[in-house]
Amino acid sequence: MVKTSSIVSALLLISHQPFIYAAPMSFKGSTTSMSTMSGSYSSVESSYAITAKDSLGVKSYTSKGNGYKLKVGELVYLRRLIRINKKHSQTNLWLFTGVGTMSLERNVQDDDHSYLSPTLQFDYETKRVYGLISHQILRVGHENFDTTKIEGGFSFYETGYNETQPWFILKAKNTNSLDNKNEYTPTLRFINKSIYGEVGVTTDGDPSLHLMYTF
């Protein structure tokens, strides 16, 4: 049986640190599941926090653009390298390591590849301001699918733990080979306890939906 003190500690962690959503990992023993859907990208992912700094998960996604179509299944190890807690802010540096297989379709050719893909992510958040930058290295065969993301935004107002907090986030992303230009997505983010949701539309009119739940 889980000790009452452990439950209280977990609840205090969530209620006093609204920063747990920058990466798919929360307190030790938690499970986080998420899904993302858009016209060019869709994914399903679930991970388990084996310690306060490490999680293991599985992920499946498809992505397309410029005549390419990727179908990917991978195991993901997440390690929190640095965390700096201050009275009103939190700063993190994360290392994601994905190991998996990719079915790569281009024109009439279909090839299967295995890969190792590291991602470094830096994020900073207060109760009112949020920022993130990440870079993923993903190479298969002679193809380069490295992805860079930059995100920044603000919350409309501060709320309590039991209330839904709305945010406005502007996302910028570029994936080599798949994108001819940077993709910009104005996004509305909603956080309520362990539920996290985003709704956005790119400047090219491609809608996206992202949901995440931690338990």
Protein backbone atom coordinates (compact mmCIF):
# COMPACT_ATOMS: atom_id res chain seq x y z
CA MET A 1 0.00 0.00 0.00
CA VAL A 2 1.28 3.46 -0.85
CA LYS A 3 2.18 5.47 2.22
CA THR A 4 0.09 8.55 2.97
CA SER A 5 3.26 10.63 3.17
CA SER A 6 4.18 9.62 -0.40
CA ILE A 7 0.78 10.69 -1.67
CA VAL A 8 0.99 14.01 0.14
CA SER A 9 4.49 14.62 -1.24
CA ALA A 10 3.33 13.93 -4.79
CA LEU A 11 0.36 16.27 -4.44
CA LEU A 12 2.55 19.01 -3.02
CA LEU A 13 4.97 18.58 -5.91
CA ILE A 14 2.21 19.02 -8.45
CA SER A 15 0.45 21.88 -6.71
CA HIS A 16 3.53 23.99 -6.04
CA GLN A 17 5.42 23.30 -9.27
CA PRO A 18 3.40 24.00 -12.42
CA PHE A 19 6.56 23.26 -14.39
CA ILE A 20 6.17 19.49 -14.77
CA TYR A 21 4.70 19.78 -18.27
CA ALA A 22 7.87 20.86 -20.07
CA ALA A 23 8.78 17.17 -20.53
CA PRO A 24 6.74 13.96 -20.30
CA MET A 25 7.89 13.13 -16.78
CA SER A 26 6.49 14.01 -13.37
CA PHE A 27 7.11 12.53 -9.91
CA LYS A 28 8.69 9.09 -9.36
CA GLY A 29 6.23 6.28 -10.08
CA SER A 30 3.98 8.38 -12.32
CA THR A 31 2.82 7.42 -15.80
CA THR A 32 2.33 10.01 -18.52
CA SER A 33 0.40 9.32 -21.71
CA MET A 34 0.00 11.72 -24.61
CA SER A 35 -1.25 12.02 -28.16
CA THR A 36 -0.69 14.60 -30.90
CA MET A 37 -2.67 14.95 -34.13
CA SER A 38 -2.25 17.27 -37.10
CA GLY A 39 -2.42 17.08 -40.87
CA SER A 40 1.27 16.23 -41.24
CA TYR A 41 2.09 14.57 -37.91
CA SER A 42 0.44 12.19 -35.44
CA SER A 43 1.84 10.36 -32.41
CA VAL A 44 0.96 8.24 -29.39
CA GLU A 45 3.35 7.98 -26.44
CA SER A 46 3.42 6.66 -22.88
CA SER A 47 6.23 6.80 -20.32
CA TYR A 48 6.89 5.76 -16.71
CA ALA A 49 9.06 7.74 -14.28
CA ILE A 50 11.40 5.17 -12.74
CA THR A 51 13.12 7.82 -10.59
CA ALA A 52 12.69 11.56 -10.01
CA LYS A 53 15.14 12.15 -12.89
CA ASP A 54 14.59 9.25 -15.30
CA SER A 55 11.74 7.81 -17.33
CA LEU A 56 11.28 5.05 -19.88
CA GLY A 57 8.63 5.06 -22.57
CA VAL A 58 7.39 3.90 -25.94
CA LYS A 59 6.38 6.10 -28.84
CA SER A 60 4.82 5.62 -32.25
CA TYR A 61 4.41 8.39 -34.82
CA THR A 62 3.95 9.21 -38.48
CA SER A 63 5.24 12.35 -40.20
CA LYS A 64 5.13 13.51 -43.81
CA GLY A 65 6.24 16.31 -46.10
CA ASN A 66 8.08 16.98 -49.38
CA GLY A 67 7.22 13.52 -50.74
CA TYR A 68 8.46 11.74 -47.60
CA LYS A 69 6.36 9.65 -45.23
CA LEU A 70 7.89 8.35 -41.98
CA LYS A 71 6.40 5.60 -39.82
CA VAL A 72 8.32 5.27 -36.58
CA GLY A 73 8.25 3.09 -33.47
CA GLU A 74 10.76 3.69 -30.69
CA LEU A 75 11.80 3.22 -27.09
CA VAL A 76 12.55 6.51 -25.33
CA TYR A 77 14.78 7.13 -22.32
CA LEU A 78 14.47 10.57 -20.72
CA ARG A 79 17.06 11.94 -18.30
CA ARG A 80 16.84 15.26 -16.47
CA LEU A 81 20.40 16.56 -16.57
CA ILE A 82 19.94 19.86 -14.70
CA ARG A 83 17.18 21.44 -12.65
CA ILE A 84 17.44 24.89 -11.07
CA ASN A 85 14.60 25.76 -8.71
CA LYS A 86 14.08 29.33 -7.61
CA LYS A 87 11.25 30.87 -5.64
CA HIS A 88 9.17 31.76 -8.70
CA SER A 89 10.79 29.83 -11.56
CA GLN A 90 12.24 26.55 -12.72
CA THR A 91 14.93 25.84 -15.34
CA ASN A 92 15.59 22.39 -16.81
CA LEU A 93 17.96 20.68 -19.21
CA TRP A 94 16.78 17.31 -20.54
CA LEU A 95 18.32 14.54 -22.64
CA PHE A 96 15.94 12.36 -24.67
CA THR A 97 17.40 9.23 -26.27
CA GLY A 98 15.25 7.36 -28.79
CA VAL A 99 16.08 3.93 -30.21
CA GLY A 100 13.78 2.54 -32.85
CA THR A 101 12.89 1.58 -36.39
CA MET A 102 11.64 3.74 -39.24
CA SER A 103 9.73 2.85 -42.37
CA LEU A 104 10.75 5.53 -44.85
CA GLU A 105 8.63 6.04 -47.96
CA ARG A 106 9.75 8.40 -50.71
CA ASN A 107 8.15 8.38 -54.14
CA VAL A 108 7.78 4.65 -54.92
CA GLN A 109 10.65 3.53 -52.67
CA ASP A 110 10.04 2.06 -49.20
CA ASP A 111 13.01 1.33 -46.90
CA ASP A 112 13.30 0.22 -43.28
CA HIS A 113 15.98 1.63 -40.98
CA SER A 114 17.13 1.36 -37.36
CA TYR A 115 18.35 4.47 -35.59
CA LEU A 116 19.63 6.10 -32.41
CA SER A 117 18.31 9.64 -31.92
CA PRO A 118 19.39 12.04 -29.11
CA THR A 119 17.54 15.27 -28.27
CA LEU A 120 18.67 18.09 -25.98
CA GLN A 121 15.93 20.32 -24.56
CA PHE A 122 16.23 23.47 -22.45
CA ASP A 123 13.16 25.04 -20.85
CA TYR A 124 12.33 27.83 -18.44
CA GLU A 125 8.99 28.47 -16.78
CA THR A 126 7.30 30.57 -14.16
CA LYS A 127 3.59 30.71 -13.36
CA ARG A 128 3.23 33.37 -16.07
CA VAL A 129 6.06 32.89 -18.61
CA TYR A 130 7.28 29.87 -20.58
CA GLY A 131 10.15 29.21 -22.99
CA LEU A 132 11.69 26.14 -24.64
CA ILE A 133 14.36 25.29 -27.20
CA SER A 134 15.28 21.80 -28.38
CA HIS A 135 17.25 20.07 -31.10
CA GLN A 136 16.85 16.44 -32.18
CA ILE A 137 19.43 14.57 -34.25
CA LEU A 138 17.76 11.94 -36.46
CA ARG A 139 19.70 10.40 -39.35
CA VAL A 140 18.80 7.24 -41.31
CA GLY A 141 20.69 6.04 -44.37
CA HIS A 142 21.64 9.18 -46.31
CA GLU A 143 18.65 11.15 -44.96
CA ASN A 144 18.74 13.96 -42.38
CA PHE A 145 15.56 14.54 -40.36
CA ASP A 146 17.04 16.72 -37.60
CA THR A 147 14.36 18.83 -35.90
CA THR A 148 14.71 22.17 -34.11
CA LYS A 149 11.92 23.61 -31.96
CA ILE A 150 11.56 26.99 -30.24
CA GLU A 151 8.51 27.83 -28.11
CA GLY A 152 7.58 30.83 -26.00
CA GLY A 153 4.50 32.29 -24.39
CA PHE A 154 2.62 33.53 -21.37
CA SER A 155 -0.35 32.66 -19.20
CA PHE A 156 -3.34 35.01 -19.32
CA TYR A 157 -3.64 35.02 -15.52
CA GLU A 158 -2.46 33.02 -12.53
CA THR A 159 -4.79 30.37 -11.13
CA GLY A 160 -5.00 27.93 -8.25
CA TYR A 161 -4.26 24.21 -8.54
CA ASN A 162 -7.95 23.30 -8.88
CA GLU A 163 -8.56 25.81 -11.68
CA THR A 164 -7.77 25.66 -15.39
CA GLN A 165 -4.89 27.93 -16.39
CA PRO A 166 -4.91 29.18 -20.03
CA TRP A 167 -1.71 30.00 -21.91
CA PHE A 168 -0.82 31.47 -25.30
CA ILE A 169 2.21 29.79 -26.88
CA LEU A 170 3.90 30.52 -30.21
CA LYS A 171 5.72 27.47 -31.57
CA ALA A 172 8.34 27.39 -34.30
CA LYS A 173 9.62 24.12 -35.79
CA ASN A 174 11.78 23.00 -38.66
CA THR A 175 12.50 19.41 -39.71
CA ASN A 176 15.21 18.86 -42.31
CA SER A 177 14.01 17.24 -45.56
CA LEU A 178 10.32 17.43 -44.53
CA ASP A 179 9.92 21.22 -44.32
CA ASN A 180 10.73 23.84 -46.94
CA LYS A 181 10.43 26.57 -44.32
CA ASN A 182 9.93 27.12 -40.60
CA GLU A 183 6.49 26.11 -39.31
CA TYR A 184 4.83 28.59 -36.94
CA THR A 185 1.88 27.55 -34.77
CA PRO A 186 -0.01 29.98 -32.49
CA THR A 187 -1.37 27.72 -29.74
CA LEU A 188 -3.78 27.87 -26.81
CA ARG A 189 -2.65 25.69 -23.90
CA PHE A 190 -4.84 24.63 -20.98
CA ILE A 191 -3.52 23.04 -17.77
CA ASN A 192 -5.73 21.64 -15.02
CA LYS A 193 -4.10 19.46 -12.35
CA SER A 194 -2.65 16.50 -14.25
CA ILE A 195 -4.46 17.22 -17.54
CA TYR A 196 -2.74 19.22 -20.25
CA GLY A 197 -4.22 20.17 -23.61
CA GLU A 198 -3.21 22.30 -26.61
CA VAL A 199 -5.10 23.49 -29.67
CA GLY A 200 -3.29 25.31 -32.44
CA VAL A 201 -3.33 26.22 -36.11
CA THR A 202 -0.19 26.79 -38.17
CA THR A 203 0.15 29.96 -40.22
CA ASP A 204 -0.47 27.70 -43.26
CA GLY A 205 -3.83 26.60 -41.81
CA ASP A 206 -2.92 23.13 -40.50
CA PRO A 207 -4.81 22.49 -37.20
CA SER A 208 -3.19 20.48 -34.39
CA LEU A 209 -4.35 18.93 -31.11
CA HIS A 210 -2.17 17.73 -28.25
CA LEU A 211 -3.39 15.97 -25.08
CA MET A 212 -1.39 14.73 -22.09
CA TYR A 213 -2.43 13.08 -18.84
CA THR A 214 -0.29 12.11 -15.84
CA PHE A 215 -1.42 9.60 -13.23
